[in-house]
PDB file of N, CA and C in Angstrom:
ATOM      1  N   MET A   1     117.213  95.969  80.390  1.00  0.00           N
ATOM      2  CA  MET A   1     117.589  96.174  81.928  1.00  0.00           C
ATOM      3  C   MET A   1     116.423  97.279  82.447  1.00  0.00           C
ATOM      4  N   TYR A   2     115.994  97.154  83.553  1.00  0.00           N
ATOM      5  CA  TYR A   2     115.045  98.265  83.985  1.00  0.00           C
ATOM      6  C   TYR A   2     115.821  99.647  84.146  1.00  0.00           C
ATOM      7  N   LYS A   3     115.025 100.662  84.384  1.00  0.00           N
ATOM      8  CA  LYS A   3     115.690 101.754  84.483  1.00  0.00           C
ATOM      9  C   LYS A   3     115.116 102.688  85.612  1.00  0.00           C
ATOM     10  N   ALA A   4     115.853 103.246  86.772  1.00  0.00           N
ATOM     11  CA  ALA A   4     115.559 103.761  87.964  1.00  0.00           C
ATOM     12  C   ALA A   4     114.922 105.000  87.354  1.00  0.00           C
ATOM     13  N   THR A   5     113.627 105.470  87.675  1.00  0.00           N
ATOM     14  CA  THR A   5     113.223 106.742  87.097  1.00  0.00           C
ATOM     15  C   THR A   5     113.435 108.187  88.344  1.00  0.00           C
ATOM     16  N   ASN A   6     113.440 107.249  89.784  1.00  0.00           N
ATOM     17  CA  ASN A   6     113.540 108.637  90.526  1.00  0.00           C
ATOM     18  C   ASN A   6     114.117 107.808  91.883  1.00  0.00           C
ATOM     19  N   ILE A   7     114.850 108.344  92.465  1.00  0.00           N
ATOM     20  CA  ILE A   7     115.166 108.157  93.900  1.00  0.00           C
ATOM     21  C   ILE A   7     114.764 109.225  94.940  1.00  0.00           C
ATOM     22  N   SER A   8     113.984 108.996  96.018  1.00  0.00           N
ATOM     23  CA  SER A   8     113.566 109.978  96.812  1.00  0.00           C
ATOM     24  C   SER A   8     113.811 109.491  98.188  1.00  0.00           C
ATOM     25  N   PRO A   9     114.126 110.353  99.075  1.00  0.00           N
ATOM     26  CA  PRO A   9     114.403 110.382 100.737  1.00  0.00           C
ATOM     27  C   PRO A   9     112.793 110.092 101.149  1.00  0.00           C
ATOM     28  N   MET A  10     112.972 109.240 102.176  1.00  0.00           N
ATOM     29  CA  MET A  10     111.346 109.118 103.073  1.00  0.00           C
ATOM     30  C   MET A  10     111.550 109.433 104.605  1.00  0.00           C
ATOM     31  N   VAL A  11     110.838 110.324 104.853  1.00  0.00           N
ATOM     32  CA  VAL A  11     111.257 111.076 106.332  1.00  0.00           C
ATOM     33  C   VAL A  11     109.753 110.551 107.129  1.00  0.00           C
ATOM     34  N   PRO A  12     110.212 109.761 108.380  1.00  0.00           N
ATOM     35  CA  PRO A  12     109.091 109.025 109.023  1.00  0.00           C
ATOM     36  C   PRO A  12     108.611 110.388 110.026  1.00  0.00           C
ATOM     37  N   SER A  13     107.113 110.594 110.253  1.00  0.00           N
ATOM     38  CA  SER A  13     106.913 111.703 110.837  1.00  0.00           C
ATOM     39  C   SER A  13     105.786 111.156 111.839  1.00  0.00           C
ATOM     40  N   TYR A  14     105.858 111.883 113.160  1.00  0.00           N
ATOM     41  CA  TYR A  14     104.690 111.453 114.070  1.00  0.00           C
ATOM     42  C   TYR A  14     103.734 111.941 114.051  1.00  0.00           C
ATOM     43  N   SER A  15     103.669 113.355 112.783  1.00  0.00           N
ATOM     44  CA  SER A  15     102.327 113.866 112.319  1.00  0.00           C
ATOM     45  C   SER A  15     102.511 114.263 111.009  1.00  0.00           C
ATOM     46  N   VAL A  16     102.248 113.324 109.781  1.00  0.00           N
ATOM     47  CA  VAL A  16     102.488 113.659 108.433  1.00  0.00           C
ATOM     48  C   VAL A  16     101.757 114.778 108.093  1.00  0.00           C
ATOM     49  N   SER A  17     100.435 115.491 108.451  1.00  0.00           N
ATOM     50  CA  SER A  17     100.009 116.280 108.023  1.00  0.00           C
ATOM     51  C   SER A  17     100.781 117.672 108.635  1.00  0.00           C
ATOM     52  N   ASP A  18     101.438 117.773 109.736  1.00  0.00           N
ATOM     53  CA  ASP A  18     102.415 118.954 109.867  1.00  0.00           C
ATOM     54  C   ASP A  18     103.639 119.020 109.578  1.00  0.00           C
ATOM     55  N   THR A  19     104.023 118.019 109.122  1.00  0.00           N
ATOM     56  CA  THR A  19     105.491 117.777 108.278  1.00  0.00           C
ATOM     57  C   THR A  19     104.900 118.113 106.858  1.00  0.00           C
ATOM     58  N   ARG A  20     104.113 117.792 106.315  1.00  0.00           N
ATOM     59  CA  ARG A  20     103.516 118.316 104.760  1.00  0.00           C
ATOM     60  C   ARG A  20     103.314 119.666 105.004  1.00  0.00           C
ATOM     61  N   ASP A  21     102.604 120.358 105.949  1.00  0.00           N
ATOM     62  CA  ASP A  21     102.539 121.829 106.036  1.00  0.00           C
ATOM     63  C   ASP A  21     103.885 122.331 106.111  1.00  0.00           C
ATOM     64  N   PHE A  22     104.709 121.714 106.973  1.00  0.00           N
ATOM     65  CA  PHE A  22     105.986 122.521 106.868  1.00  0.00           C
ATOM     66  C   PHE A  22     106.788 122.758 105.784  1.00  0.00           C
ATOM     67  N   PHE A  23     106.593 121.446 104.968  1.00  0.00           N
ATOM     68  CA  PHE A  23     107.413 121.739 103.298  1.00  0.00           C
ATOM     69  C   PHE A  23     106.396 122.512 102.495  1.00  0.00           C
ATOM     70  N   LYS A  24     105.179 122.554 102.640  1.00  0.00           N
ATOM     71  CA  LYS A  24     104.294 123.211 101.780  1.00  0.00           C
ATOM     72  C   LYS A  24     104.089 124.615 102.101  1.00  0.00           C
ATOM     73  N   GLU A  25     103.960 125.160 103.434  1.00  0.00           N
ATOM     74  CA  GLU A  25     103.778 126.578 103.714  1.00  0.00           C
ATOM     75  C   GLU A  25     105.040 127.364 103.841  1.00  0.00           C
ATOM     76  N   LEU A  26     105.856 126.526 104.482  1.00  0.00           N
ATOM     77  CA  LEU A  26     107.332 127.425 104.797  1.00  0.00           C
ATOM     78  C   LEU A  26     108.086 127.621 103.551  1.00  0.00           C
ATOM     79  N   LEU A  27     108.113 126.184 102.865  1.00  0.00           N
ATOM     80  CA  LEU A  27     109.257 126.011 101.880  1.00  0.00           C
ATOM     81  C   LEU A  27     108.559 125.925 100.374  1.00  0.00           C
ATOM     82  N   ARG A  28     107.331 126.222 100.274  1.00  0.00           N
ATOM     83  CA  ARG A  28     106.598 126.124  99.239  1.00  0.00           C
ATOM     84  C   ARG A  28     106.772 124.950  98.017  1.00  0.00           C
ATOM     85  N   PHE A  29     106.873 123.512  98.816  1.00  0.00           N
ATOM     86  CA  PHE A  29     106.719 122.767  97.940  1.00  0.00           C
ATOM     87  C   PHE A  29     105.350 122.006  97.859  1.00  0.00           C
ATOM     88  N   ASP A  30     105.059 121.762  96.249  1.00  0.00           N
ATOM     89  CA  ASP A  30     103.919 121.481  95.888  1.00  0.00           C
ATOM     90  C   ASP A  30     103.408 119.891  96.692  1.00  0.00           C
ATOM     91  N   VAL A  31     102.066 119.901  96.907  1.00  0.00           N
ATOM     92  CA  VAL A  31     101.650 118.402  97.497  1.00  0.00           C
ATOM     93  C   VAL A  31     101.219 117.775  96.406  1.00  0.00           C
ATOM     94  N   MET A  32     101.903 116.378  96.185  1.00  0.00           N
ATOM     95  CA  MET A  32     101.657 115.619  95.148  1.00  0.00           C
ATOM     96  C   MET A  32     100.923 114.429  95.342  1.00  0.00           C
ATOM     97  N   MET A  33     100.664 113.842  96.471  1.00  0.00           N
ATOM     98  CA  MET A  33      99.781 112.955  96.950  1.00  0.00           C
ATOM     99  C   MET A  33      99.716 112.801  98.476  1.00  0.00           C
ATOM    100  N   ASP A  34      98.417 112.967  99.046  1.00  0.00           N
ATOM    101  CA  ASP A  34      98.080 113.101 100.191  1.00  0.00           C
ATOM    102  C   ASP A  34      97.181 112.444 100.816  1.00  0.00           C
ATOM    103  N   SER A  35      97.676 111.698 101.873  1.00  0.00           N
ATOM    104  CA  SER A  35      97.011 110.720 102.876  1.00  0.00           C
ATOM    105  C   SER A  35      97.178 110.970 104.522  1.00  0.00           C
ATOM    106  N   PRO A  36      96.318 110.568 105.229  1.00  0.00           N
ATOM    107  CA  PRO A  36      96.728 110.599 106.591  1.00  0.00           C
ATOM    108  C   PRO A  36      98.041 110.230 107.102  1.00  0.00           C
ATOM    109  N   ASP A  37      98.507 108.988 106.343  1.00  0.00           N
ATOM    110  CA  ASP A  37      99.493 108.129 106.788  1.00  0.00           C
ATOM    111  C   ASP A  37     100.640 108.390 105.922  1.00  0.00           C
ATOM    112  N   TYR A  38     100.603 109.179 104.512  1.00  0.00           N
ATOM    113  CA  TYR A  38     101.586 109.150 103.673  1.00  0.00           C
ATOM    114  C   TYR A  38     101.610 110.299 102.824  1.00  0.00           C
ATOM    115  N   CYS A  39     102.403 110.896 102.529  1.00  0.00           N
ATOM    116  CA  CYS A  39     102.497 112.117 101.910  1.00  0.00           C
ATOM    117  C   CYS A  39     103.720 112.105 100.789  1.00  0.00           C
ATOM    118  N   VAL A  40     103.342 112.653  99.790  1.00  0.00           N
ATOM    119  CA  VAL A  40     104.505 112.961  98.677  1.00  0.00           C
ATOM    120  C   VAL A  40     104.421 114.601  98.373  1.00  0.00           C
ATOM    121  N   VAL A  41     105.502 115.077  98.447  1.00  0.00           N
ATOM    122  CA  VAL A  41     105.659 116.826  98.524  1.00  0.00           C
ATOM    123  C   VAL A  41     106.862 116.816  97.306  1.00  0.00           C
ATOM    124  N   GLY A  42     106.923 118.140  96.442  1.00  0.00           N
ATOM    125  CA  GLY A  42     107.608 118.043  95.395  1.00  0.00           C
ATOM    126  C   GLY A  42     108.108 119.403  94.989  1.00  0.00           C
ATOM    127  N   LEU A  43     109.438 119.745  94.936  1.00  0.00           N
ATOM    128  CA  LEU A  43     109.894 120.923  94.469  1.00  0.00           C
ATOM    129  C   LEU A  43     110.852 120.920  93.492  1.00  0.00           C
ATOM    130  N   ASN A  44     110.735 121.750  92.216  1.00  0.00           N
ATOM    131  CA  ASN A  44     111.641 121.546  91.287  1.00  0.00           C
ATOM    132  C   ASN A  44     112.150 120.277  90.887  1.00  0.00           C
ATOM    133  N   GLY A  45     111.042 119.337  90.433  1.00  0.00           N
ATOM    134  CA  GLY A  45     111.442 118.028  89.896  1.00  0.00           C
ATOM    135  C   GLY A  45     111.895 117.186  91.084  1.00  0.00           C
ATOM    136  N   PHE A  46     111.895 117.442  92.266  1.00  0.00           N
ATOM    137  CA  PHE A  46     112.583 116.640  93.297  1.00  0.00           C
ATOM    138  C   PHE A  46     111.328 116.369  94.343  1.00  0.00           C
ATOM    139  N   GLU A  47     111.422 114.790  94.613  1.00  0.00           N
ATOM    140  CA  GLU A  47     110.254 114.572  95.832  1.00  0.00           C
ATOM    141  C   GLU A  47     110.643 114.303  96.993  1.00  0.00           C
ATOM    142  N   LEU A  48     110.000 114.185  97.681  1.00  0.00           N
ATOM    143  CA  LEU A  48     110.373 113.780  99.054  1.00  0.00           C
ATOM    144  C   LEU A  48     109.090 113.256  99.708  1.00  0.00           C
ATOM    145  N   HIS A  49     109.267 111.909  99.980  1.00  0.00           N
ATOM    146  CA  HIS A  49     107.930 111.252 101.109  1.00  0.00           C
ATOM    147  C   HIS A  49     107.821 111.338 102.268  1.00  0.00           C
ATOM    148  N   ILE A  50     106.650 111.708 103.010  1.00  0.00           N
ATOM    149  CA  ILE A  50     106.600 111.384 104.510  1.00  0.00           C
ATOM    150  C   ILE A  50     105.612 110.410 104.813  1.00  0.00           C
ATOM    151  N   GLN A  51     106.532 109.505 105.845  1.00  0.00           N
ATOM    152  CA  GLN A  51     105.346 108.578 105.847  1.00  0.00           C
ATOM    153  C   GLN A  51     105.047 108.529 107.336  1.00  0.00           C
ATOM    154  N   LYS A  52     103.870 107.827 107.895  1.00  0.00           N
ATOM    155  CA  LYS A  52     103.721 107.917 109.296  1.00  0.00           C
ATOM    156  C   LYS A  52     104.629 107.162 110.209  1.00  0.00           C
ATOM    157  N   ALA A  53     105.153 107.672 111.254  1.00  0.00           N
ATOM    158  CA  ALA A  53     106.483 106.831 112.068  1.00  0.00           C
ATOM    159  C   ALA A  53     105.845 105.716 112.766  1.00  0.00           C
ATOM    160  N   GLY A  54     106.249 104.685 112.897  1.00  0.00           N
ATOM    161  CA  GLY A  54     105.991 103.369 113.857  1.00  0.00           C
ATOM    162  C   GLY A  54     106.927 102.280 114.002  1.00  0.00           C
ATOM    163  N   GLU A  55     106.326 101.208 114.018  1.00  0.00           N
ATOM    164  CA  GLU A  55     107.509 100.358 114.572  1.00  0.00           C
ATOM    165  C   GLU A  55     107.989  99.440 113.079  1.00  0.00           C
ATOM    166  N   ASN A  56     107.251  99.773 111.997  1.00  0.00           N
ATOM    167  CA  ASN A  56     107.731  98.889 110.860  1.00  0.00           C
ATOM    168  C   ASN A  56     108.492 100.041 109.962  1.00  0.00           C
ATOM    169  N   ILE A  57     108.879 101.096 110.371  1.00  0.00           N
ATOM    170  CA  ILE A  57     109.052 101.974 109.669  1.00  0.00           C
ATOM    171  C   ILE A  57     110.989 102.119 110.173  1.00  0.00           C
ATOM    172  N   GLY A  58     111.838 102.078 109.230  1.00  0.00           N
ATOM    173  CA  GLY A  58     113.356 102.194 109.559  1.00  0.00           C
ATOM    174  C   GLY A  58     113.802 103.498 109.965  1.00  0.00           C
ATOM    175  N   GLU A  59     115.067 103.715 110.758  1.00  0.00           N
ATOM    176  CA  GLU A  59     115.684 105.156 110.958  1.00  0.00           C
ATOM    177  C   GLU A  59     115.754 105.865 109.290  1.00  0.00           C
ATOM    178  N   MET A  60     116.050 105.163 108.387  1.00  0.00           N
ATOM    179  CA  MET A  60     116.041 105.659 106.951  1.00  0.00           C
ATOM    180  C   MET A  60     115.415 105.050 106.234  1.00  0.00           C
ATOM    181  N   SER A  61     114.729 105.998 105.184  1.00  0.00           N
ATOM    182  CA  SER A  61     114.168 104.885 104.251  1.00  0.00           C
ATOM    183  C   SER A  61     114.405 105.833 102.910  1.00  0.00           C
ATOM    184  N   PHE A  62     114.105 105.022 101.489  1.00  0.00           N
ATOM    185  CA  PHE A  62     114.365 105.504 100.482  1.00  0.00           C
ATOM    186  C   PHE A  62     113.121 104.996  99.439  1.00  0.00           C
ATOM    187  N   TYR A  63     112.777 105.759  98.470  1.00  0.00           N
ATOM    188  CA  TYR A  63     111.916 105.289  97.425  1.00  0.00           C
ATOM    189  C   TYR A  63     112.293 105.133  95.951  1.00  0.00           C
ATOM    190  N   MET A  64     112.277 104.019  95.358  1.00  0.00           N
ATOM    191  CA  MET A  64     113.037 104.106  94.106  1.00  0.00           C
ATOM    192  C   MET A  64     112.155 103.776  93.188  1.00  0.00           C
ATOM    193  N   SER A  65     111.849 104.672  92.331  1.00  0.00           N
ATOM    194  CA  SER A  65     110.635 104.347  91.153  1.00  0.00           C
ATOM    195  C   SER A  65     111.463 103.963  90.018  1.00  0.00           C
ATOM    196  N   VAL A  66     110.609 102.958  89.492  1.00  0.00           N
ATOM    197  CA  VAL A  66     111.165 102.181  88.388  1.00  0.00           C
ATOM    198  C   VAL A  66     110.405 101.891  87.104  1.00  0.00           C
ATOM    199  N   ASP A  67     110.941 101.682  86.031  1.00  0.00           N
ATOM    200  CA  ASP A  67     109.817 101.633  85.016  1.00  0.00           C
ATOM    201  C   ASP A  67     109.857  99.975  84.520  1.00  0.00           C
ATOM    202  N   ASP A  68     110.065  99.031  85.449  1.00  0.00           N
ATOM    203  CA  ASP A  68     109.514  97.579  85.321  1.00  0.00           C
ATOM    204  C   ASP A  68     109.757  96.901  86.380  1.00  0.00           C
ATOM    205  N   ILE A  69     108.987  96.817  87.468  1.00  0.00           N
ATOM    206  CA  ILE A  69     109.198  96.232  88.768  1.00  0.00           C
ATOM    207  C   ILE A  69     109.110  94.682  88.743  1.00  0.00           C
ATOM    208  N   ASP A  70     108.712  94.369  87.853  1.00  0.00           N
ATOM    209  CA  ASP A  70     108.649  92.549  87.416  1.00  0.00           C
ATOM    210  C   ASP A  70     109.940  92.310  87.221  1.00  0.00           C
ATOM    211  N   GLU A  71     110.834  93.197  86.361  1.00  0.00           N
ATOM    212  CA  GLU A  71     112.330  92.820  85.846  1.00  0.00           C
ATOM    213  C   GLU A  71     113.197  92.820  87.411  1.00  0.00           C
ATOM    214  N   VAL A  72     113.012  93.904  88.119  1.00  0.00           N
ATOM    215  CA  VAL A  72     113.343  94.190  89.357  1.00  0.00           C
ATOM    216  C   VAL A  72     113.427  92.870  90.498  1.00  0.00           C
ATOM    217  N   TRP A  73     111.945  92.699  90.394  1.00  0.00           N
ATOM    218  CA  TRP A  73     111.506  91.353  91.171  1.00  0.00           C
ATOM    219  C   TRP A  73     112.779  90.007  90.609  1.00  0.00           C
ATOM    220  N   ASP A  74     112.530  89.654  89.193  1.00  0.00           N
ATOM    221  CA  ASP A  74     113.211  88.791  88.872  1.00  0.00           C
ATOM    222  C   ASP A  74     114.725  88.764  89.261  1.00  0.00           C
ATOM    223  N   LEU A  75     115.129  89.983  89.712  1.00  0.00           N
ATOM    224  CA  LEU A  75     116.798  90.136  89.759  1.00  0.00           C
ATOM    225  C   LEU A  75     116.825  89.776  91.280  1.00  0.00           C
ATOM    226  N   ILE A  76     116.144  89.973  92.284  1.00  0.00           N
ATOM    227  CA  ILE A  76     116.222  90.022  93.492  1.00  0.00           C
ATOM    228  C   ILE A  76     115.700  88.614  94.327  1.00  0.00           C
ATOM    229  N   LYS A  77     114.571  88.172  93.640  1.00  0.00           N
ATOM    230  CA  LYS A  77     113.627  87.025  94.325  1.00  0.00           C
ATOM    231  C   LYS A  77     114.336  85.915  94.903  1.00  0.00           C
ATOM    232  N   GLU A  78     115.690  85.797  94.239  1.00  0.00           N
ATOM    233  CA  GLU A  78     116.064  84.578  94.899  1.00  0.00           C
ATOM    234  C   GLU A  78     117.078  84.550  95.773  1.00  0.00           C
ATOM    235  N   LYS A  79     117.152  85.981  96.270  1.00  0.00           N
ATOM    236  CA  LYS A  79     117.596  86.161  97.608  1.00  0.00           C
ATOM    237  C   LYS A  79     116.651  86.757  98.673  1.00  0.00           C
ATOM    238  N   LYS A  80     115.519  86.169  98.415  1.00  0.00           N
ATOM    239  CA  LYS A  80     114.396  86.449  99.791  1.00  0.00           C
ATOM    240  C   LYS A  80     114.845  85.687 100.633  1.00  0.00           C
ATOM    241  N   GLY A  81     115.684  84.440 100.763  1.00  0.00           N
ATOM    242  CA  GLY A  81     115.675  84.042 101.987  1.00  0.00           C
ATOM    243  C   GLY A  81     117.073  84.467 102.866  1.00  0.00           C
ATOM    244  N   SER A  82     117.892  85.183 102.015  1.00  0.00           N
ATOM    245  CA  SER A  82     118.852  86.039 102.725  1.00  0.00           C
ATOM    246  C   SER A  82     118.553  87.315 102.981  1.00  0.00           C
ATOM    247  N   LEU A  83     117.566  88.224 102.196  1.00  0.00           N
ATOM    248  CA  LEU A  83     117.379  89.298 102.900  1.00  0.00           C
ATOM    249  C   LEU A  83     115.604  89.527 103.326  1.00  0.00           C
ATOM    250  N   THR A  84     115.666  90.546 104.111  1.00  0.00           N
ATOM    251  CA  THR A  84     114.126  91.007 104.441  1.00  0.00           C
ATOM    252  C   THR A  84     113.582  91.744 103.680  1.00  0.00           C
ATOM    253  N   MET A  85     112.429  91.052 103.282  1.00  0.00           N
ATOM    254  CA  MET A  85     111.863  91.663 101.871  1.00  0.00           C
ATOM    255  C   MET A  85     110.450  91.208 101.741  1.00  0.00           C
ATOM    256  N   ARG A  86     109.642  92.110 101.136  1.00  0.00           N
ATOM    257  CA  ARG A  86     108.051  91.730 100.955  1.00  0.00           C
ATOM    258  C   ARG A  86     108.060  91.737  99.290  1.00  0.00           C
ATOM    259  N   GLU A  87     107.418  90.564  99.053  1.00  0.00           N
ATOM    260  CA  GLU A  87     107.215  90.565  97.860  1.00  0.00           C
ATOM    261  C   GLU A  87     106.286  91.585  97.232  1.00  0.00           C
ATOM    262  N   PRO A  88     106.172  91.535  95.651  1.00  0.00           N
ATOM    263  CA  PRO A  88     105.563  92.664  95.105  1.00  0.00           C
ATOM    264  C   PRO A  88     103.817  92.336  95.301  1.00  0.00           C
ATOM    265  N   PHE A  89     103.516  93.775  95.441  1.00  0.00           N
ATOM    266  CA  PHE A  89     102.027  93.859  96.032  1.00  0.00           C
ATOM    267  C   PHE A  89     101.647  95.278  95.583  1.00  0.00           C
ATOM    268  N   GLU A  90     100.130  95.362  95.398  1.00  0.00           N
ATOM    269  CA  GLU A  90      99.684  96.558  95.344  1.00  0.00           C
ATOM    270  C   GLU A  90      99.313  97.142  96.172  1.00  0.00           C
ATOM    271  N   GLN A  91      99.562  98.809  96.476  1.00  0.00           N
ATOM    272  CA  GLN A  91      99.281  99.532  97.362  1.00  0.00           C
ATOM    273  C   GLN A  91      97.626 100.307  96.914  1.00  0.00           C
ATOM    274  N   PRO A  92      97.019 100.572  97.785  1.00  0.00           N
ATOM    275  CA  PRO A  92      95.850 101.361  97.627  1.00  0.00           C
ATOM    276  C   PRO A  92      95.943 102.596  96.952  1.00  0.00           C
ATOM    277  N   TYR A  93      97.158 103.312  97.095  1.00  0.00           N
ATOM    278  CA  TYR A  93      97.303 104.534  96.204  1.00  0.00           C
ATOM    279  C   TYR A  93      97.919 104.129  94.816  1.00  0.00           C
ATOM    280  N   GLY A  94      97.768 103.081  94.362  1.00  0.00           N
ATOM    281  CA  GLY A  94      97.975 102.653  93.061  1.00  0.00           C
ATOM    282  C   GLY A  94      99.527 102.518  92.668  1.00  0.00           C
ATOM    283  N   MET A  95     100.318 102.095  93.494  1.00  0.00           N
ATOM    284  CA  MET A  95     101.457 101.631  93.003  1.00  0.00           C
ATOM    285  C   MET A  95     102.098 100.067  93.633  1.00  0.00           C
ATOM    286  N   LYS A  96     102.508  99.386  92.996  1.00  0.00           N
ATOM    287  CA  LYS A  96     102.922  97.909  92.824  1.00  0.00           C
ATOM    288  C   LYS A  96     104.647  98.140  93.319  1.00  0.00           C
ATOM    289  N   GLU A  97     104.745  97.680  94.345  1.00  0.00           N
ATOM    290  CA  GLU A  97     105.909  97.767  95.382  1.00  0.00           C
ATOM    291  C   GLU A  97     106.427  96.345  95.826  1.00  0.00           C
ATOM    292  N   ILE A  98     107.826  96.493  96.187  1.00  0.00           N
ATOM    293  CA  ILE A  98     108.829  95.644  96.719  1.00  0.00           C
ATOM    294  C   ILE A  98     109.402  96.413  97.886  1.00  0.00           C
ATOM    295  N   HIS A  99     109.500  95.778  99.055  1.00  0.00           N
ATOM    296  CA  HIS A  99     109.805  96.469 100.153  1.00  0.00           C
ATOM    297  C   HIS A  99     111.291  95.539 100.497  1.00  0.00           C
ATOM    298  N   VAL A 100     112.528  96.362 100.947  1.00  0.00           N
ATOM    299  CA  VAL A 100     113.540  95.597 100.913  1.00  0.00           C
ATOM    300  C   VAL A 100     114.441  95.960 102.052  1.00  0.00           C
ATOM    301  N   GLY A 101     114.956  95.238 102.992  1.00  0.00           N
ATOM    302  CA  GLY A 101     115.504  95.607 104.234  1.00  0.00           C
ATOM    303  C   GLY A 101     117.030  95.646 103.619  1.00  0.00           C
ATOM    304  N   VAL A 102     117.698  96.865 103.611  1.00  0.00           N
ATOM    305  CA  VAL A 102     118.875  97.092 103.324  1.00  0.00           C
ATOM    306  C   VAL A 102     119.992  96.267 104.210  1.00  0.00           C
ATOM    307  N   PRO A 103     120.980  95.434 103.968  1.00  0.00           N
ATOM    308  CA  PRO A 103     122.051  94.573 104.701  1.00  0.00           C
ATOM    309  C   PRO A 103     122.685  95.492 105.365  1.00  0.00           C
ATOM    310  N   HIS A 104     122.859  95.467 106.767  1.00  0.00           N
ATOM    311  CA  HIS A 104     123.495  95.533 108.075  1.00  0.00           C
ATOM    312  C   HIS A 104     123.251  97.275 108.009  1.00  0.00           C
ATOM    313  N   THR A 105     122.285  97.630 107.963  1.00  0.00           N
ATOM    314  CA  THR A 105     121.575  98.985 108.330  1.00  0.00           C
ATOM    315  C   THR A 105     120.194  98.896 108.884  1.00  0.00           C
ATOM    316  N   GLU A 106     119.622 100.357 109.491  1.00  0.00           N
ATOM    317  CA  GLU A 106     118.318 100.323 109.674  1.00  0.00           C
ATOM    318  C   GLU A 106     117.373 100.996 108.601  1.00  0.00           C
ATOM    319  N   ALA A 107     118.091 100.514 107.442  1.00  0.00           N
ATOM    320  CA  ALA A 107     117.651 101.485 106.369  1.00  0.00           C
ATOM    321  C   ALA A 107     116.465 100.565 105.466  1.00  0.00           C
ATOM    322  N   LEU A 108     115.341 101.082 104.993  1.00  0.00           N
ATOM    323  CA  LEU A 108     114.187  99.977 104.297  1.00  0.00           C
ATOM    324  C   LEU A 108     114.311 101.093 102.940  1.00  0.00           C
ATOM    325  N   MET A 109     114.390  99.933 102.021  1.00  0.00           N
ATOM    326  CA  MET A 109     114.031 100.579 100.631  1.00  0.00           C
ATOM    327  C   MET A 109     112.861 100.268 100.113  1.00  0.00           C
ATOM    328  N   PHE A 110     112.172 101.075  99.590  1.00  0.00           N
ATOM    329  CA  PHE A 110     110.977 100.903  98.725  1.00  0.00           C
ATOM    330  C   PHE A 110     111.531 100.793  97.195  1.00  0.00           C
ATOM    331  N   ILE A 111     110.827  99.835  96.294  1.00  0.00           N
ATOM    332  CA  ILE A 111     110.913  99.994  95.091  1.00  0.00           C
ATOM    333  C   ILE A 111     109.398  99.905  94.520  1.00  0.00           C
ATOM    334  N   GLY A 112     109.136 100.887  93.735  1.00  0.00           N
ATOM    335  CA  GLY A 112     107.816 101.059  93.068  1.00  0.00           C
ATOM    336  C   GLY A 112     107.820 101.401  91.826  1.00  0.00           C
ATOM    337  N   GLN A 113     106.431 100.860  91.365  1.00  0.00           N
ATOM    338  CA  GLN A 113     105.802 101.566  89.822  1.00  0.00           C
ATOM    339  C   GLN A 113     104.653 101.622  89.583  1.00  0.00           C
ATOM    340  N   PRO A 114     103.938 102.878  89.086  1.00  0.00           N
ATOM    341  CA  PRO A 114     102.525 102.815  89.089  1.00  0.00           C
ATOM    342  C   PRO A 114     102.106 101.703  88.424  1.00  0.00           C
ATOM    343  N   VAL A 115     100.776 101.524  89.219  1.00  0.00           N
ATOM    344  CA  VAL A 115      99.952 100.158  88.659  1.00  0.00           C
ATOM    345  C   VAL A 115      99.620 100.477  87.189  1.00  0.00           C
ATOM    346  N   GLU A 116      99.245 101.820  86.869  1.00  0.00           N
ATOM    347  CA  GLU A 116      98.779 102.019  85.386  1.00  0.00           C
ATOM    348  C   GLU A 116      99.724 101.882  84.377  1.00  0.00           C
ATOM    349  N   GLN A 117     101.278 101.759  84.709  1.00  0.00           N
ATOM    350  CA  GLN A 117     102.181 101.578  83.770  1.00  0.00           C
ATOM    351  C   GLN A 117     102.943 100.249  83.606  1.00  0.00           C
ATOM    352  N   ILE A 118     102.157  99.026  84.024  1.00  0.00           N
ATOM    353  CA  ILE A 118     102.427  97.814  84.243  1.00  0.00           C
ATOM    354  C   ILE A 118     101.863  97.282  83.081  1.00  0.00           C
ATOM    355  N   ILE A 119     102.789  96.791  81.922  1.00  0.00           N
ATOM    356  CA  ILE A 119     102.265  96.024  80.718  1.00  0.00           C
ATOM    357  C   ILE A 119     101.228  94.860  81.354  1.00  0.00           C
ATOM    358  N   PRO A 120     100.590  94.727  80.916  1.00  0.00           N
ATOM    359  CA  PRO A 120      99.706  93.201  81.216  1.00  0.00           C
ATOM    360  C   PRO A 120     100.040  91.976  80.768  1.00  0.00           C
ATOM    361  N   GLY A 121     100.217  90.837  81.576  1.00  0.00           N
ATOM    362  CA  GLY A 121     101.050  89.710  80.839  1.00  0.00           C
ATOM    363  C   GLY A 121     102.399  89.740  81.127  1.00  0.00           C
ATOM    364  N   LYS A 122     103.303  90.476  81.285  1.00  0.00           N
ATOM    365  CA  LYS A 122     104.645  90.837  81.485  1.00  0.00           C
ATOM    366  C   LYS A 122     104.743  90.732  82.900  1.00  0.00           C
ATOM    367  N   ALA A 123     105.534  89.264  83.099  1.00  0.00           N
ATOM    368  CA  ALA A 123     106.102  88.954  84.592  1.00  0.00           C
ATOM    369  C   ALA A 123     107.186  88.101  84.397  1.00  0.00           C
TER     370      ALA A 123
END
């Protein structure tokens, strides 16, 4: 059975850099990943993901890191006709992800695993 390794809230922002600076400078969060449209900050083992707000960003989002994204996909792929989802794909920042709309909400769930941790040939 796959294991969730972390669940992080995702905050939509109209200025990722200003939101990042708020957490970094005011609250002393560490910047763990930084790009113009996406940033991850952390403090005491907790992460907060900041993403550029836009039409494809829900009112609420969260990111679940897992240790076996292919197993997660095997569990949910048969529901792709009844759920809004994006099949597994690789992001330029090194994560393999699945995106799923949470039923009856405006929430979007991102499920990801670092590409470097995926065992070749396992799917």
